[in-house]
Amino acid sequence: MGKKTGADPGITVPPVLMNRLINSALNVFNKAQVVSVDGKEVTIDRGGDTITLGDVDNVTLYVGSQAENALQAMLEGKGYELISVGECQGTAGIMEAVAAGFEASPAL
């Protein structure tokens, strides 16, 4: 559904792997949603255009991520000191989340 494949791969998808994906015999559809999968036939919607692909072996979806801070909303006003770090502030990679957690923690 994203605009670009591998736009933010983070450290878990090294550039070498991304290059292999790009140079493979895969069909990659950005800005698309899977409508149905029926046997080896997959139908996608890409900006209002319906495309049906036949003889499909595998379908891999990359739907991205979004911030999740429902726990913070539940705990606000209950007397806890809350510090938001990582993905509850916005999408972030593991390195950013760990660094933010370290910076927010009291000195040991």
N, C-alpha and C. Protein backbone atom coordinates (compact mmCIF):
# COMPACT_ATOMS: atom_id res chain seq x y z
N MET A 1 0.81 -1.19 0.00
CA MET A 1 0.00 0.00 0.00
C MET A 1 0.87 1.27 0.00
N GLY A 2 2.14 1.11 0.32
CA GLY A 2 3.02 2.26 0.37
C GLY A 2 3.37 2.78 -1.01
N LYS A 3 3.93 3.98 -1.02
CA LYS A 3 4.30 4.62 -2.29
C LYS A 3 5.54 4.01 -2.92
N LYS A 4 6.43 3.45 -2.07
CA LYS A 4 7.70 2.95 -2.59
C LYS A 4 8.10 1.70 -1.81
N THR A 5 8.54 0.68 -2.51
CA THR A 5 9.01 -0.54 -1.87
C THR A 5 10.33 -0.27 -1.18
N GLY A 6 10.40 -0.66 0.10
CA GLY A 6 11.65 -0.50 0.84
C GLY A 6 12.00 0.93 1.16
N ALA A 7 11.00 1.80 1.28
CA ALA A 7 11.27 3.22 1.54
C ALA A 7 12.00 3.41 2.86
N ASP A 8 11.70 2.59 3.87
CA ASP A 8 12.37 2.69 5.16
C ASP A 8 12.66 1.30 5.67
N PRO A 9 13.65 0.62 5.10
CA PRO A 9 13.90 -0.77 5.48
C PRO A 9 14.51 -0.94 6.86
N GLY A 10 15.07 0.13 7.43
CA GLY A 10 15.71 0.00 8.73
C GLY A 10 16.93 -0.89 8.65
N ILE A 11 17.39 -1.35 9.81
CA ILE A 11 18.60 -2.18 9.81
C ILE A 11 18.29 -3.65 9.56
N THR A 12 17.00 -4.02 9.58
CA THR A 12 16.66 -5.42 9.39
C THR A 12 16.68 -5.85 7.94
N VAL A 13 16.64 -4.92 7.02
CA VAL A 13 16.69 -5.24 5.59
C VAL A 13 17.87 -4.49 4.99
N PRO A 14 19.03 -5.14 4.96
CA PRO A 14 20.21 -4.46 4.44
C PRO A 14 20.08 -4.16 2.96
N PRO A 15 20.82 -3.17 2.50
CA PRO A 15 20.77 -2.78 1.08
C PRO A 15 21.01 -3.94 0.12
N VAL A 16 21.85 -4.88 0.49
CA VAL A 16 22.14 -6.02 -0.41
C VAL A 16 20.85 -6.81 -0.66
N LEU A 17 20.07 -7.05 0.39
CA LEU A 17 18.83 -7.78 0.25
C LEU A 17 17.82 -6.98 -0.58
N MET A 18 17.77 -5.68 -0.36
CA MET A 18 16.86 -4.83 -1.12
C MET A 18 17.22 -4.87 -2.61
N ASN A 19 18.50 -4.85 -2.93
CA ASN A 19 18.95 -4.93 -4.33
C ASN A 19 18.56 -6.26 -4.96
N ARG A 20 18.65 -7.35 -4.19
CA ARG A 20 18.24 -8.66 -4.71
C ARG A 20 16.75 -8.67 -5.01
N LEU A 21 15.96 -8.05 -4.17
CA LEU A 21 14.53 -7.98 -4.39
C LEU A 21 14.23 -7.19 -5.67
N ILE A 22 14.85 -6.05 -5.81
CA ILE A 22 14.62 -5.19 -6.97
C ILE A 22 15.04 -5.88 -8.27
N ASN A 23 16.13 -6.62 -8.24
CA ASN A 23 16.66 -7.26 -9.45
C ASN A 23 16.11 -8.66 -9.69
N SER A 24 15.14 -9.09 -8.92
CA SER A 24 14.58 -10.43 -9.08
C SER A 24 13.46 -10.42 -10.12
N ALA A 25 12.89 -11.59 -10.30
CA ALA A 25 11.80 -11.74 -11.28
C ALA A 25 10.44 -11.54 -10.63
N LEU A 26 10.40 -10.79 -9.55
CA LEU A 26 9.15 -10.54 -8.84
C LEU A 26 8.36 -9.41 -9.48
N ASN A 27 7.05 -9.48 -9.32
CA ASN A 27 6.20 -8.35 -9.68
C ASN A 27 5.96 -7.56 -8.41
N VAL A 28 6.30 -6.30 -8.39
CA VAL A 28 6.12 -5.45 -7.22
C VAL A 28 5.11 -4.36 -7.59
N PHE A 29 4.07 -4.25 -6.78
CA PHE A 29 3.03 -3.25 -7.02
C PHE A 29 2.96 -2.31 -5.83
N ASN A 30 3.36 -1.07 -6.03
CA ASN A 30 3.24 -0.05 -5.00
C ASN A 30 1.85 0.58 -5.10
N LYS A 31 1.42 1.19 -4.01
CA LYS A 31 0.11 1.85 -3.94
C LYS A 31 -1.01 0.91 -4.37
N ALA A 32 -0.96 -0.34 -3.90
CA ALA A 32 -1.95 -1.34 -4.30
C ALA A 32 -2.51 -2.04 -3.08
N GLN A 33 -3.74 -2.53 -3.20
CA GLN A 33 -4.37 -3.31 -2.15
C GLN A 33 -4.85 -4.63 -2.75
N VAL A 34 -4.62 -5.72 -2.02
CA VAL A 34 -5.12 -7.01 -2.46
C VAL A 34 -6.62 -7.05 -2.23
N VAL A 35 -7.37 -7.35 -3.28
CA VAL A 35 -8.82 -7.45 -3.21
C VAL A 35 -9.23 -8.88 -2.91
N SER A 36 -8.60 -9.84 -3.61
CA SER A 36 -8.94 -11.24 -3.38
C SER A 36 -7.80 -12.14 -3.82
N VAL A 37 -7.77 -13.33 -3.20
CA VAL A 37 -6.85 -14.39 -3.59
C VAL A 37 -7.71 -15.63 -3.77
N ASP A 38 -7.67 -16.19 -4.98
CA ASP A 38 -8.47 -17.37 -5.29
C ASP A 38 -7.58 -18.38 -5.99
N GLY A 39 -7.12 -19.36 -5.23
CA GLY A 39 -6.20 -20.33 -5.81
C GLY A 39 -4.90 -19.66 -6.19
N LYS A 40 -4.57 -19.70 -7.47
CA LYS A 40 -3.33 -19.06 -7.96
C LYS A 40 -3.62 -17.72 -8.63
N GLU A 41 -4.80 -17.18 -8.39
CA GLU A 41 -5.19 -15.91 -9.00
C GLU A 41 -5.34 -14.84 -7.91
N VAL A 42 -4.70 -13.70 -8.14
CA VAL A 42 -4.74 -12.60 -7.18
C VAL A 42 -5.26 -11.36 -7.89
N THR A 43 -6.23 -10.71 -7.26
CA THR A 43 -6.78 -9.47 -7.80
C THR A 43 -6.38 -8.33 -6.88
N ILE A 44 -5.83 -7.27 -7.47
CA ILE A 44 -5.43 -6.11 -6.69
C ILE A 44 -6.12 -4.87 -7.22
N ASP A 45 -6.25 -3.88 -6.36
CA ASP A 45 -6.78 -2.57 -6.75
C ASP A 45 -5.63 -1.59 -6.63
N ARG A 46 -5.34 -0.91 -7.70
CA ARG A 46 -4.24 0.05 -7.72
C ARG A 46 -4.79 1.38 -8.20
N GLY A 47 -5.21 2.19 -7.25
CA GLY A 47 -5.72 3.52 -7.58
C GLY A 47 -6.99 3.49 -8.41
N GLY A 48 -7.86 2.53 -8.16
CA GLY A 48 -9.10 2.42 -8.91
C GLY A 48 -9.03 1.47 -10.10
N ASP A 49 -7.83 1.08 -10.49
CA ASP A 49 -7.66 0.09 -11.56
C ASP A 49 -7.57 -1.30 -10.94
N THR A 50 -8.42 -2.21 -11.39
CA THR A 50 -8.38 -3.59 -10.91
C THR A 50 -7.51 -4.41 -11.83
N ILE A 51 -6.55 -5.11 -11.22
CA ILE A 51 -5.61 -5.94 -11.98
C ILE A 51 -5.70 -7.35 -11.44
N THR A 52 -5.87 -8.33 -12.32
CA THR A 52 -5.91 -9.73 -11.92
C THR A 52 -4.66 -10.42 -12.45
N LEU A 53 -3.95 -11.07 -11.55
CA LEU A 53 -2.72 -11.78 -11.89
C LEU A 53 -2.99 -13.27 -11.78
N GLY A 54 -2.55 -14.03 -12.76
CA GLY A 54 -2.75 -15.47 -12.75
C GLY A 54 -1.46 -16.21 -12.53
N ASP A 55 -1.56 -17.49 -12.15
CA ASP A 55 -0.43 -18.38 -11.92
C ASP A 55 0.54 -17.81 -10.87
N VAL A 56 -0.02 -17.29 -9.79
CA VAL A 56 0.76 -16.69 -8.70
C VAL A 56 1.13 -17.76 -7.69
N ASP A 57 2.41 -17.83 -7.34
CA ASP A 57 2.88 -18.81 -6.36
C ASP A 57 2.82 -18.26 -4.93
N ASN A 58 3.20 -17.00 -4.75
CA ASN A 58 3.28 -16.40 -3.42
C ASN A 58 2.83 -14.95 -3.47
N VAL A 59 2.23 -14.51 -2.38
CA VAL A 59 1.87 -13.10 -2.22
C VAL A 59 2.48 -12.63 -0.91
N THR A 60 3.25 -11.58 -0.97
CA THR A 60 3.85 -11.00 0.23
C THR A 60 3.35 -9.57 0.36
N LEU A 61 2.81 -9.25 1.52
CA LEU A 61 2.28 -7.91 1.74
C LEU A 61 3.20 -7.12 2.64
N TYR A 62 3.44 -5.89 2.29
CA TYR A 62 4.15 -4.95 3.15
C TYR A 62 3.20 -3.79 3.38
N VAL A 63 2.71 -3.68 4.59
CA VAL A 63 1.69 -2.66 4.85
C VAL A 63 2.21 -1.52 5.72
N GLY A 64 3.50 -1.54 6.04
CA GLY A 64 4.06 -0.46 6.82
C GLY A 64 3.69 -0.56 8.28
N SER A 65 3.84 0.52 8.98
CA SER A 65 3.52 0.54 10.41
C SER A 65 2.99 1.90 10.78
N GLN A 66 2.36 1.96 11.92
CA GLN A 66 1.87 3.24 12.41
C GLN A 66 2.02 3.26 13.92
N ALA A 67 2.00 4.46 14.48
CA ALA A 67 2.18 4.62 15.92
C ALA A 67 1.05 3.95 16.69
N GLU A 68 1.40 3.39 17.84
CA GLU A 68 0.40 2.76 18.72
C GLU A 68 0.62 3.29 20.13
N ASN A 69 -0.30 4.06 20.63
CA ASN A 69 -0.15 4.61 21.97
C ASN A 69 -1.42 4.47 22.81
N ALA A 70 -2.19 3.41 22.59
CA ALA A 70 -3.42 3.17 23.34
C ALA A 70 -3.15 2.99 24.83
N LEU A 71 -2.04 2.34 25.19
CA LEU A 71 -1.72 2.13 26.60
C LEU A 71 -1.50 3.46 27.30
N GLN A 72 -0.80 4.37 26.65
CA GLN A 72 -0.57 5.68 27.25
C GLN A 72 -1.89 6.40 27.50
N ALA A 73 -2.80 6.33 26.56
CA ALA A 73 -4.10 6.98 26.73
C ALA A 73 -4.86 6.37 27.92
N MET A 74 -4.74 5.05 28.12
CA MET A 74 -5.41 4.40 29.25
C MET A 74 -4.81 4.80 30.59
N LEU A 75 -3.50 5.04 30.63
CA LEU A 75 -2.81 5.33 31.89
C LEU A 75 -2.76 6.81 32.25
N GLU A 76 -3.01 7.69 31.30
CA GLU A 76 -2.96 9.13 31.59
C GLU A 76 -3.95 9.50 32.67
N GLY A 77 -3.51 10.35 33.58
CA GLY A 77 -4.37 10.81 34.66
C GLY A 77 -4.54 9.83 35.80
N LYS A 78 -3.77 8.76 35.83
CA LYS A 78 -3.90 7.75 36.89
C LYS A 78 -2.73 7.79 37.85
N GLY A 79 -1.94 8.87 37.81
CA GLY A 79 -0.85 9.05 38.76
C GLY A 79 0.49 8.45 38.35
N TYR A 80 0.60 7.96 37.14
CA TYR A 80 1.87 7.40 36.66
C TYR A 80 2.66 8.47 35.93
N GLU A 81 3.99 8.37 36.07
CA GLU A 81 4.85 9.22 35.24
C GLU A 81 5.01 8.50 33.91
N LEU A 82 4.57 9.13 32.85
CA LEU A 82 4.60 8.50 31.53
C LEU A 82 5.64 9.17 30.66
N ILE A 83 6.44 8.36 30.00
CA ILE A 83 7.41 8.86 29.03
C ILE A 83 7.22 8.04 27.77
N SER A 84 6.87 8.70 26.69
CA SER A 84 6.65 8.01 25.42
C SER A 84 7.95 7.90 24.65
N VAL A 85 8.25 6.69 24.21
CA VAL A 85 9.44 6.46 23.39
C VAL A 85 9.07 5.49 22.28
N GLY A 86 9.93 5.40 21.30
CA GLY A 86 9.76 4.41 20.23
C GLY A 86 8.52 4.66 19.39
N GLU A 87 7.86 3.57 19.02
CA GLU A 87 6.76 3.65 18.07
C GLU A 87 5.48 4.26 18.62
N CYS A 88 5.37 4.45 19.93
CA CYS A 88 4.16 5.11 20.43
C CYS A 88 4.21 6.60 20.11
N GLN A 89 5.38 7.13 19.80
CA GLN A 89 5.50 8.54 19.38
C GLN A 89 5.31 8.70 17.88
N GLY A 90 5.64 7.71 17.15
CA GLY A 90 5.59 7.72 15.69
C GLY A 90 6.40 6.54 15.21
N THR A 91 6.32 6.24 13.94
CA THR A 91 7.05 5.08 13.46
C THR A 91 8.55 5.30 13.60
N ALA A 92 9.23 4.26 14.04
CA ALA A 92 10.67 4.35 14.26
C ALA A 92 11.26 2.95 14.09
N GLY A 93 12.53 2.92 13.79
CA GLY A 93 13.23 1.65 13.71
C GLY A 93 13.68 1.22 15.09
N ILE A 94 14.20 0.01 15.20
CA ILE A 94 14.62 -0.52 16.49
C ILE A 94 15.72 0.32 17.11
N MET A 95 16.64 0.81 16.32
CA MET A 95 17.74 1.62 16.86
C MET A 95 17.21 2.91 17.49
N GLU A 96 16.28 3.57 16.82
CA GLU A 96 15.72 4.80 17.36
C GLU A 96 14.92 4.53 18.63
N ALA A 97 14.17 3.42 18.65
CA ALA A 97 13.36 3.09 19.82
C ALA A 97 14.23 2.78 21.03
N VAL A 98 15.30 2.00 20.83
CA VAL A 98 16.20 1.66 21.93
C VAL A 98 16.90 2.92 22.44
N ALA A 99 17.38 3.76 21.53
CA ALA A 99 18.06 5.00 21.94
C ALA A 99 17.10 5.91 22.72
N ALA A 100 15.88 6.04 22.28
CA ALA A 100 14.90 6.88 22.97
C ALA A 100 14.60 6.32 24.36
N GLY A 101 14.51 5.00 24.48
CA GLY A 101 14.27 4.37 25.78
C GLY A 101 15.45 4.60 26.71
N PHE A 102 16.65 4.49 26.18
CA PHE A 102 17.85 4.71 26.99
C PHE A 102 17.90 6.16 27.48
N GLU A 103 17.64 7.09 26.59
CA GLU A 103 17.68 8.51 26.95
C GLU A 103 16.60 8.88 27.95
N ALA A 104 15.46 8.21 27.91
CA ALA A 104 14.35 8.52 28.81
C ALA A 104 14.52 7.88 30.19
N SER A 105 15.37 6.86 30.31
CA SER A 105 15.49 6.14 31.58
C SER A 105 16.34 6.94 32.57
N PRO A 106 16.06 6.77 33.86
CA PRO A 106 16.86 7.45 34.87
C PRO A 106 18.29 6.91 34.88
N ALA A 107 19.23 7.75 35.28
CA ALA A 107 20.64 7.33 35.32
C ALA A 107 20.80 6.20 36.33
N LEU A 108 21.56 5.20 35.94
CA LEU A 108 21.79 4.04 36.84
C LEU A 108 22.96 4.29 37.75
